[in-house]
């Protein structure tokens, strides 16, 4: 227990020093960073919980919950809008704006896989765009970070 607590404190100090040295790269808030650090100390079998939480965030059109899992830079491609590399903070606002205009419904991950240490998950759902229902595919790419995974790519096709 002491060793885990010491590891968490050390990780938090390192994260704070990185934040102070790179203010443009700061994640959304200290609360989300603390949650990520706690998850990094949990075993890898917690991966299904992380995937489930991300699936729920997408189902609820919650950019706030989704962004807790972003890497510092994220590749983003949203149907009919933005596409490119963005900071976690920029991606949060772009996705929030997207979800405020188009509601994603009936979303479920249908496939999960790995490529080396990296993980991906894909699924389908429907968007209501200008009153019309359109079927979409969602692709989320993850990078391993410690014993956890963070979103490095988020696409809605």
N, C-alpha and C. Protein backbone atom coordinates (compact mmCIF):
# COMPACT_ATOMS: atom_id res chain seq x y z
N UNK A 1 0.82 -1.19 0.00
CA UNK A 1 0.00 0.00 0.00
C UNK A 1 0.87 1.26 0.00
N UNK A 2 1.92 1.27 0.87
CA UNK A 2 2.81 2.42 0.92
C UNK A 2 3.51 2.63 -0.41
N UNK A 3 3.88 1.50 -1.05
CA UNK A 3 4.60 1.58 -2.32
C UNK A 3 3.70 2.17 -3.40
N UNK A 4 2.42 1.78 -3.44
CA UNK A 4 1.48 2.31 -4.42
C UNK A 4 1.27 3.79 -4.18
N UNK A 5 1.09 4.19 -2.91
CA UNK A 5 0.90 5.60 -2.57
C UNK A 5 2.13 6.42 -2.96
N UNK A 6 3.31 5.91 -2.68
CA UNK A 6 4.55 6.60 -3.04
C UNK A 6 4.63 6.75 -4.56
N UNK A 7 4.25 5.69 -5.29
CA UNK A 7 4.26 5.74 -6.75
C UNK A 7 3.29 6.80 -7.25
N UNK A 8 2.09 6.89 -6.67
CA UNK A 8 1.11 7.88 -7.07
C UNK A 8 1.62 9.30 -6.81
N UNK A 9 2.25 9.51 -5.67
CA UNK A 9 2.78 10.83 -5.32
C UNK A 9 3.89 11.21 -6.29
N UNK A 10 4.79 10.28 -6.56
CA UNK A 10 5.89 10.54 -7.49
C UNK A 10 5.34 10.87 -8.87
N UNK A 11 4.37 10.09 -9.34
CA UNK A 11 3.77 10.32 -10.65
C UNK A 11 3.08 11.68 -10.69
N UNK A 12 2.38 12.04 -9.63
CA UNK A 12 1.70 13.33 -9.57
C UNK A 12 2.70 14.49 -9.62
N UNK A 13 3.80 14.35 -8.90
CA UNK A 13 4.84 15.39 -8.91
C UNK A 13 5.43 15.54 -10.31
N UNK A 14 5.69 14.40 -10.97
CA UNK A 14 6.22 14.45 -12.34
C UNK A 14 5.21 15.09 -13.29
N UNK A 15 3.94 14.73 -13.13
CA UNK A 15 2.91 15.30 -14.00
C UNK A 15 2.80 16.81 -13.79
N UNK A 16 2.89 17.26 -12.54
CA UNK A 16 2.81 18.69 -12.25
C UNK A 16 4.01 19.44 -12.83
N UNK A 17 5.18 18.82 -12.75
CA UNK A 17 6.37 19.49 -13.28
C UNK A 17 6.29 19.60 -14.80
N UNK A 18 5.72 18.58 -15.47
CA UNK A 18 5.54 18.64 -16.92
C UNK A 18 4.53 19.73 -17.25
N UNK A 19 3.45 19.82 -16.47
CA UNK A 19 2.43 20.85 -16.71
C UNK A 19 3.03 22.25 -16.57
N UNK A 20 3.87 22.44 -15.58
CA UNK A 20 4.45 23.76 -15.35
C UNK A 20 5.46 24.12 -16.43
N UNK A 21 6.16 23.10 -16.95
CA UNK A 21 7.16 23.39 -17.97
C UNK A 21 6.56 23.51 -19.36
N UNK A 22 5.33 22.99 -19.56
CA UNK A 22 4.69 23.05 -20.86
C UNK A 22 3.24 23.53 -20.69
N UNK A 23 3.01 24.80 -20.40
CA UNK A 23 1.66 25.27 -20.14
C UNK A 23 0.69 25.10 -21.31
N UNK A 24 1.17 25.10 -22.55
CA UNK A 24 0.29 24.93 -23.69
C UNK A 24 -0.21 23.50 -23.82
N UNK A 25 0.46 22.57 -23.16
CA UNK A 25 0.13 21.17 -23.28
C UNK A 25 -0.69 20.67 -22.10
N UNK A 26 -1.12 21.56 -21.23
CA UNK A 26 -1.83 21.16 -20.02
C UNK A 26 -3.17 20.54 -20.39
N UNK A 27 -3.51 19.42 -19.75
CA UNK A 27 -4.80 18.78 -19.98
C UNK A 27 -5.89 19.62 -19.38
N UNK A 28 -7.12 19.16 -19.51
CA UNK A 28 -8.28 19.96 -19.15
C UNK A 28 -8.29 20.45 -17.72
N UNK A 29 -8.02 19.58 -16.75
CA UNK A 29 -8.05 20.02 -15.37
C UNK A 29 -7.34 19.03 -14.48
N UNK A 30 -7.04 19.47 -13.26
CA UNK A 30 -6.31 18.62 -12.32
C UNK A 30 -7.13 17.40 -11.96
N UNK A 31 -8.46 17.55 -11.88
CA UNK A 31 -9.33 16.44 -11.54
C UNK A 31 -9.16 15.29 -12.53
N UNK A 32 -9.16 15.59 -13.84
CA UNK A 32 -9.03 14.53 -14.83
C UNK A 32 -7.63 13.91 -14.78
N UNK A 33 -6.60 14.72 -14.51
CA UNK A 33 -5.25 14.17 -14.41
C UNK A 33 -5.15 13.23 -13.20
N UNK A 34 -5.75 13.60 -12.09
CA UNK A 34 -5.72 12.76 -10.89
C UNK A 34 -6.42 11.44 -11.17
N UNK A 35 -7.57 11.48 -11.85
CA UNK A 35 -8.28 10.26 -12.19
C UNK A 35 -7.41 9.36 -13.06
N UNK A 36 -6.73 9.96 -14.05
CA UNK A 36 -5.87 9.17 -14.92
C UNK A 36 -4.73 8.53 -14.15
N UNK A 37 -4.13 9.28 -13.24
CA UNK A 37 -3.03 8.73 -12.45
C UNK A 37 -3.52 7.57 -11.59
N UNK A 38 -4.72 7.68 -11.03
CA UNK A 38 -5.26 6.59 -10.24
C UNK A 38 -5.48 5.37 -11.12
N UNK A 39 -5.99 5.56 -12.33
CA UNK A 39 -6.23 4.44 -13.23
C UNK A 39 -4.93 3.79 -13.67
N UNK A 40 -3.86 4.59 -13.79
CA UNK A 40 -2.58 4.04 -14.22
C UNK A 40 -2.01 3.09 -13.17
N UNK A 41 -2.39 3.25 -11.91
CA UNK A 41 -1.91 2.36 -10.86
C UNK A 41 -2.73 1.09 -10.76
N UNK A 42 -3.86 1.02 -11.46
CA UNK A 42 -4.70 -0.16 -11.42
C UNK A 42 -4.19 -1.15 -12.46
N UNK A 43 -4.50 -2.44 -12.28
CA UNK A 43 -4.02 -3.46 -13.21
C UNK A 43 -4.59 -3.29 -14.62
N UNK A 44 -3.90 -3.89 -15.60
CA UNK A 44 -4.29 -3.80 -17.00
C UNK A 44 -5.67 -4.42 -17.23
N UNK A 45 -6.09 -5.38 -16.39
CA UNK A 45 -7.41 -5.97 -16.57
C UNK A 45 -8.52 -4.95 -16.36
N UNK A 46 -8.15 -3.74 -15.95
CA UNK A 46 -9.08 -2.64 -15.83
C UNK A 46 -9.42 -2.06 -17.20
N UNK A 47 -8.78 -2.59 -18.24
CA UNK A 47 -8.98 -2.10 -19.61
C UNK A 47 -10.44 -2.19 -20.01
N UNK A 48 -11.12 -3.28 -19.69
CA UNK A 48 -12.53 -3.40 -20.06
C UNK A 48 -13.37 -2.31 -19.40
N UNK A 49 -13.00 -1.91 -18.18
CA UNK A 49 -13.70 -0.82 -17.50
C UNK A 49 -13.49 0.50 -18.24
N UNK A 50 -12.24 0.75 -18.67
CA UNK A 50 -11.93 1.98 -19.41
C UNK A 50 -12.71 2.02 -20.72
N UNK A 51 -12.71 0.91 -21.46
CA UNK A 51 -13.44 0.83 -22.73
C UNK A 51 -14.93 1.09 -22.49
N UNK A 52 -15.46 0.48 -21.42
CA UNK A 52 -16.88 0.66 -21.08
C UNK A 52 -17.19 2.12 -20.75
N UNK A 53 -16.31 2.78 -20.00
CA UNK A 53 -16.52 4.19 -19.66
C UNK A 53 -16.46 5.08 -20.90
N UNK A 54 -15.56 4.77 -21.82
CA UNK A 54 -15.46 5.54 -23.05
C UNK A 54 -16.68 5.30 -23.92
N UNK A 55 -17.14 4.06 -24.00
CA UNK A 55 -18.35 3.75 -24.76
C UNK A 55 -19.54 4.52 -24.20
N UNK A 56 -19.66 4.57 -22.88
CA UNK A 56 -20.75 5.30 -22.24
C UNK A 56 -20.64 6.80 -22.51
N UNK A 57 -19.42 7.33 -22.48
CA UNK A 57 -19.22 8.77 -22.77
C UNK A 57 -19.67 9.09 -24.19
N UNK A 58 -19.34 8.23 -25.15
CA UNK A 58 -19.76 8.46 -26.54
C UNK A 58 -21.28 8.33 -26.64
N UNK A 59 -21.86 7.31 -25.98
CA UNK A 59 -23.32 7.13 -26.00
C UNK A 59 -24.04 8.37 -25.46
N UNK A 60 -23.45 8.99 -24.44
CA UNK A 60 -24.06 10.16 -23.80
C UNK A 60 -23.64 11.48 -24.43
N UNK A 61 -22.90 11.41 -25.54
CA UNK A 61 -22.41 12.61 -26.21
C UNK A 61 -21.67 13.52 -25.23
N UNK A 62 -20.85 12.93 -24.37
CA UNK A 62 -20.17 13.67 -23.32
C UNK A 62 -18.70 13.91 -23.67
N UNK A 63 -18.42 15.08 -24.20
CA UNK A 63 -17.04 15.44 -24.51
C UNK A 63 -16.22 15.53 -23.22
N UNK A 64 -16.84 15.98 -22.14
CA UNK A 64 -16.15 16.12 -20.85
C UNK A 64 -15.61 14.78 -20.37
N UNK A 65 -16.44 13.74 -20.34
CA UNK A 65 -15.99 12.43 -19.86
C UNK A 65 -15.02 11.80 -20.84
N UNK A 66 -15.26 11.97 -22.12
CA UNK A 66 -14.39 11.42 -23.14
C UNK A 66 -12.99 12.02 -23.06
N UNK A 67 -12.93 13.32 -22.83
CA UNK A 67 -11.64 14.02 -22.83
C UNK A 67 -10.75 13.65 -21.65
N UNK A 68 -11.30 13.03 -20.63
CA UNK A 68 -10.46 12.55 -19.51
C UNK A 68 -9.46 11.51 -19.97
N UNK A 69 -9.72 10.90 -21.13
CA UNK A 69 -8.85 9.83 -21.63
C UNK A 69 -7.98 10.27 -22.80
N UNK A 70 -7.92 11.56 -23.11
CA UNK A 70 -7.14 12.03 -24.24
C UNK A 70 -5.64 12.08 -23.91
N UNK A 71 -4.82 11.76 -24.92
CA UNK A 71 -3.40 12.04 -24.83
C UNK A 71 -3.23 13.56 -25.01
N UNK A 72 -2.02 14.06 -24.85
CA UNK A 72 -1.80 15.52 -24.99
C UNK A 72 -2.14 16.02 -26.38
N UNK A 73 -1.86 15.23 -27.38
CA UNK A 73 -2.20 15.55 -28.78
C UNK A 73 -3.08 14.41 -29.29
N UNK A 74 -4.13 14.77 -30.01
CA UNK A 74 -5.05 13.75 -30.51
C UNK A 74 -5.38 14.00 -31.97
N UNK A 75 -5.39 12.93 -32.75
CA UNK A 75 -5.82 13.01 -34.14
C UNK A 75 -7.35 12.92 -34.14
N UNK A 76 -7.97 13.90 -34.76
CA UNK A 76 -9.42 14.02 -34.69
C UNK A 76 -9.99 14.18 -36.09
N UNK A 77 -11.03 13.41 -36.38
CA UNK A 77 -11.73 13.55 -37.66
C UNK A 77 -13.22 13.33 -37.39
N UNK A 78 -14.00 14.39 -37.56
CA UNK A 78 -15.43 14.32 -37.30
C UNK A 78 -16.19 14.58 -38.59
N UNK A 79 -17.11 13.72 -38.89
CA UNK A 79 -17.88 13.77 -40.14
C UNK A 79 -18.44 15.18 -40.39
N UNK A 80 -18.04 15.73 -41.52
CA UNK A 80 -18.57 17.01 -41.95
C UNK A 80 -18.01 18.22 -41.24
N UNK A 81 -17.00 18.03 -40.36
CA UNK A 81 -16.45 19.19 -39.64
C UNK A 81 -14.94 19.12 -39.61
N UNK A 82 -14.39 19.25 -38.42
CA UNK A 82 -12.95 19.35 -38.21
C UNK A 82 -12.21 18.04 -38.45
N UNK A 83 -10.94 18.20 -38.81
CA UNK A 83 -10.05 17.07 -38.93
C UNK A 83 -8.61 17.56 -38.82
N UNK A 84 -7.78 16.80 -38.10
CA UNK A 84 -6.38 17.16 -37.92
C UNK A 84 -5.86 16.78 -36.55
N UNK A 85 -4.66 17.27 -36.22
CA UNK A 85 -4.06 17.03 -34.90
C UNK A 85 -4.39 18.23 -34.02
N UNK A 86 -4.86 17.92 -32.80
CA UNK A 86 -5.27 18.98 -31.88
C UNK A 86 -4.76 18.67 -30.48
N UNK A 87 -4.60 19.70 -29.68
CA UNK A 87 -4.29 19.47 -28.27
C UNK A 87 -5.53 18.86 -27.62
N UNK A 88 -5.36 18.24 -26.47
CA UNK A 88 -6.48 17.64 -25.76
C UNK A 88 -7.56 18.67 -25.48
N UNK A 89 -7.15 19.87 -25.11
CA UNK A 89 -8.10 20.93 -24.80
C UNK A 89 -8.89 21.35 -26.05
N UNK A 90 -8.20 21.53 -27.16
CA UNK A 90 -8.88 21.89 -28.41
C UNK A 90 -9.86 20.79 -28.83
N UNK A 91 -9.40 19.54 -28.75
CA UNK A 91 -10.25 18.41 -29.14
C UNK A 91 -11.50 18.36 -28.28
N UNK A 92 -11.36 18.63 -26.99
CA UNK A 92 -12.52 18.64 -26.09
C UNK A 92 -13.58 19.61 -26.61
N UNK A 93 -13.18 20.84 -26.93
CA UNK A 93 -14.13 21.85 -27.37
C UNK A 93 -14.71 21.54 -28.76
N UNK A 94 -13.90 20.97 -29.63
CA UNK A 94 -14.38 20.62 -30.97
C UNK A 94 -15.43 19.51 -30.87
N UNK A 95 -15.15 18.49 -30.05
CA UNK A 95 -16.10 17.38 -29.88
C UNK A 95 -17.35 17.87 -29.16
N UNK A 96 -17.19 18.73 -28.17
CA UNK A 96 -18.36 19.27 -27.46
C UNK A 96 -19.27 20.03 -28.43
N UNK A 97 -18.67 20.84 -29.30
CA UNK A 97 -19.44 21.58 -30.29
C UNK A 97 -20.13 20.61 -31.26
N UNK A 98 -19.41 19.58 -31.70
CA UNK A 98 -19.96 18.58 -32.61
C UNK A 98 -21.18 17.90 -31.99
N UNK A 99 -21.03 17.43 -30.73
CA UNK A 99 -22.12 16.74 -30.06
C UNK A 99 -23.30 17.67 -29.76
N UNK A 100 -23.05 18.96 -29.62
CA UNK A 100 -24.16 19.88 -29.37
C UNK A 100 -25.02 20.07 -30.62
N UNK A 101 -24.44 19.83 -31.79
CA UNK A 101 -25.16 20.02 -33.05
C UNK A 101 -25.71 18.71 -33.62
N UNK A 102 -25.01 17.62 -33.38
CA UNK A 102 -25.43 16.31 -33.88
C UNK A 102 -25.40 15.32 -32.73
N UNK A 103 -26.52 14.68 -32.47
CA UNK A 103 -26.59 13.70 -31.39
C UNK A 103 -26.30 12.31 -31.94
N UNK A 104 -25.31 11.66 -31.35
CA UNK A 104 -24.97 10.29 -31.71
C UNK A 104 -25.86 9.37 -30.88
N UNK A 105 -26.58 8.47 -31.54
CA UNK A 105 -27.47 7.56 -30.83
C UNK A 105 -27.14 6.12 -31.18
N UNK A 106 -27.64 5.21 -30.36
CA UNK A 106 -27.50 3.76 -30.57
C UNK A 106 -26.05 3.33 -30.78
N UNK A 107 -25.11 3.98 -30.11
CA UNK A 107 -23.70 3.65 -30.29
C UNK A 107 -23.31 2.44 -29.44
N UNK A 108 -22.54 1.56 -30.04
CA UNK A 108 -21.95 0.41 -29.35
C UNK A 108 -20.62 0.06 -30.02
N UNK A 109 -19.62 -0.30 -29.20
CA UNK A 109 -18.39 -0.85 -29.77
C UNK A 109 -18.73 -2.24 -30.29
N UNK A 110 -18.30 -2.53 -31.50
CA UNK A 110 -18.55 -3.85 -32.08
C UNK A 110 -17.26 -4.64 -32.28
N UNK A 111 -16.13 -3.95 -32.23
CA UNK A 111 -14.85 -4.62 -32.47
C UNK A 111 -13.77 -3.94 -31.66
N UNK A 112 -12.90 -4.75 -31.07
CA UNK A 112 -11.74 -4.25 -30.33
C UNK A 112 -10.54 -5.10 -30.75
N UNK A 113 -9.38 -4.47 -30.83
CA UNK A 113 -8.20 -5.21 -31.23
C UNK A 113 -6.93 -4.53 -30.77
N UNK A 114 -5.81 -5.18 -31.03
CA UNK A 114 -4.52 -4.63 -30.65
C UNK A 114 -3.56 -4.66 -31.83
N UNK A 115 -2.59 -3.77 -31.75
CA UNK A 115 -1.49 -3.73 -32.69
C UNK A 115 -0.26 -3.38 -31.85
N UNK A 116 0.52 -4.39 -31.48
CA UNK A 116 1.62 -4.17 -30.54
C UNK A 116 1.05 -3.79 -29.19
N UNK A 117 1.52 -2.68 -28.62
CA UNK A 117 0.99 -2.19 -27.34
C UNK A 117 -0.24 -1.31 -27.52
N UNK A 118 -0.55 -0.97 -28.77
CA UNK A 118 -1.67 -0.07 -29.02
C UNK A 118 -2.97 -0.85 -29.16
N UNK A 119 -4.07 -0.18 -28.87
CA UNK A 119 -5.40 -0.78 -28.89
C UNK A 119 -6.31 0.09 -29.73
N UNK A 120 -7.30 -0.53 -30.36
CA UNK A 120 -8.31 0.23 -31.07
C UNK A 120 -9.67 -0.36 -30.77
N UNK A 121 -10.69 0.44 -30.95
CA UNK A 121 -12.06 -0.01 -30.80
C UNK A 121 -12.89 0.69 -31.87
N UNK A 122 -13.79 -0.05 -32.48
CA UNK A 122 -14.67 0.53 -33.49
C UNK A 122 -16.11 0.16 -33.15
N UNK A 123 -16.99 0.96 -33.64
CA UNK A 123 -18.41 0.69 -33.42
C UNK A 123 -19.25 1.55 -34.34
N UNK A 124 -20.52 1.34 -34.24
CA UNK A 124 -21.43 2.09 -35.09
C UNK A 124 -22.52 2.76 -34.29
N UNK A 125 -23.18 3.66 -34.94
CA UNK A 125 -24.29 4.38 -34.34
C UNK A 125 -24.98 5.19 -35.40
N UNK A 126 -25.80 6.10 -34.97
CA UNK A 126 -26.51 6.97 -35.90
C UNK A 126 -26.40 8.41 -35.43
N UNK A 127 -26.25 9.29 -36.39
CA UNK A 127 -26.25 10.73 -36.12
C UNK A 127 -27.51 11.33 -36.72
N UNK A 128 -28.05 12.30 -36.03
CA UNK A 128 -29.16 13.06 -36.60
C UNK A 128 -28.59 14.38 -37.08
N UNK A 129 -28.50 14.51 -38.41
CA UNK A 129 -27.94 15.69 -39.04
C UNK A 129 -29.04 16.36 -39.85
N UNK A 130 -29.35 17.59 -39.49
CA UNK A 130 -30.42 18.36 -40.15
C UNK A 130 -31.72 17.55 -40.22
N UNK A 131 -32.02 16.86 -39.13
CA UNK A 131 -33.28 16.11 -39.03
C UNK A 131 -33.26 14.75 -39.70
N UNK A 132 -32.15 14.38 -40.33
CA UNK A 132 -32.05 13.09 -41.00
C UNK A 132 -31.13 12.16 -40.21
N UNK A 133 -31.51 10.91 -40.14
CA UNK A 133 -30.71 9.90 -39.45
C UNK A 133 -29.68 9.33 -40.43
N UNK A 134 -28.40 9.39 -40.03
CA UNK A 134 -27.33 8.85 -40.85
C UNK A 134 -26.51 7.86 -40.03
N UNK A 135 -26.25 6.70 -40.61
CA UNK A 135 -25.44 5.68 -39.95
C UNK A 135 -23.97 6.10 -40.03
N UNK A 136 -23.27 5.98 -38.90
CA UNK A 136 -21.86 6.36 -38.85
C UNK A 136 -21.02 5.25 -38.22
N UNK A 137 -19.75 5.30 -38.51
CA UNK A 137 -18.76 4.40 -37.92
C UNK A 137 -17.84 5.23 -37.03
N UNK A 138 -17.54 4.74 -35.85
CA UNK A 138 -16.65 5.43 -34.92
C UNK A 138 -15.40 4.58 -34.74
N UNK A 139 -14.24 5.22 -34.86
CA UNK A 139 -12.96 4.55 -34.64
C UNK A 139 -12.22 5.30 -33.55
N UNK A 140 -11.76 4.57 -32.55
CA UNK A 140 -10.97 5.17 -31.47
C UNK A 140 -9.67 4.39 -31.35
N UNK A 141 -8.55 5.10 -31.48
CA UNK A 141 -7.23 4.50 -31.32
C UNK A 141 -6.67 4.88 -29.95
N UNK A 142 -6.08 3.93 -29.27
CA UNK A 142 -5.52 4.14 -27.94
C UNK A 142 -4.02 3.94 -27.96
N UNK A 143 -3.32 4.64 -27.09
CA UNK A 143 -1.90 4.41 -26.84
C UNK A 143 -1.76 3.95 -25.40
N UNK A 144 -0.86 3.00 -25.19
CA UNK A 144 -0.61 2.53 -23.83
C UNK A 144 0.17 3.61 -23.07
N UNK A 145 -0.27 3.89 -21.86
CA UNK A 145 0.38 4.87 -20.99
C UNK A 145 0.49 4.24 -19.61
N UNK A 146 1.66 3.73 -19.29
CA UNK A 146 1.80 2.98 -18.04
C UNK A 146 1.01 1.69 -18.15
N UNK A 147 0.12 1.45 -17.22
CA UNK A 147 -0.72 0.26 -17.29
C UNK A 147 -2.13 0.61 -17.76
N UNK A 148 -2.30 1.82 -18.31
CA UNK A 148 -3.60 2.27 -18.78
C UNK A 148 -3.52 2.59 -20.27
N UNK A 149 -4.64 2.98 -20.83
CA UNK A 149 -4.70 3.38 -22.23
C UNK A 149 -5.34 4.75 -22.33
N UNK A 150 -4.84 5.58 -23.25
CA UNK A 150 -5.39 6.90 -23.50
C UNK A 150 -5.75 7.02 -24.97
N UNK A 151 -6.75 7.84 -25.26
CA UNK A 151 -7.21 8.03 -26.64
C UNK A 151 -6.23 8.92 -27.40
N UNK A 152 -5.71 8.40 -28.52
CA UNK A 152 -4.81 9.19 -29.36
C UNK A 152 -5.45 9.53 -30.70
N UNK A 153 -6.55 8.84 -31.01
CA UNK A 153 -7.24 9.08 -32.28
C UNK A 153 -8.74 8.88 -32.07
N UNK A 154 -9.52 9.83 -32.58
CA UNK A 154 -10.97 9.75 -32.46
C UNK A 154 -11.58 10.16 -33.79
N UNK A 155 -12.28 9.23 -34.45
CA UNK A 155 -12.87 9.50 -35.76
C UNK A 155 -14.33 9.11 -35.78
N UNK A 156 -15.14 9.95 -36.39
CA UNK A 156 -16.52 9.59 -36.69
C UNK A 156 -16.69 9.76 -38.20
N UNK A 157 -16.92 8.64 -38.91
CA UNK A 157 -17.05 8.65 -40.38
C UNK A 157 -18.51 8.60 -40.78
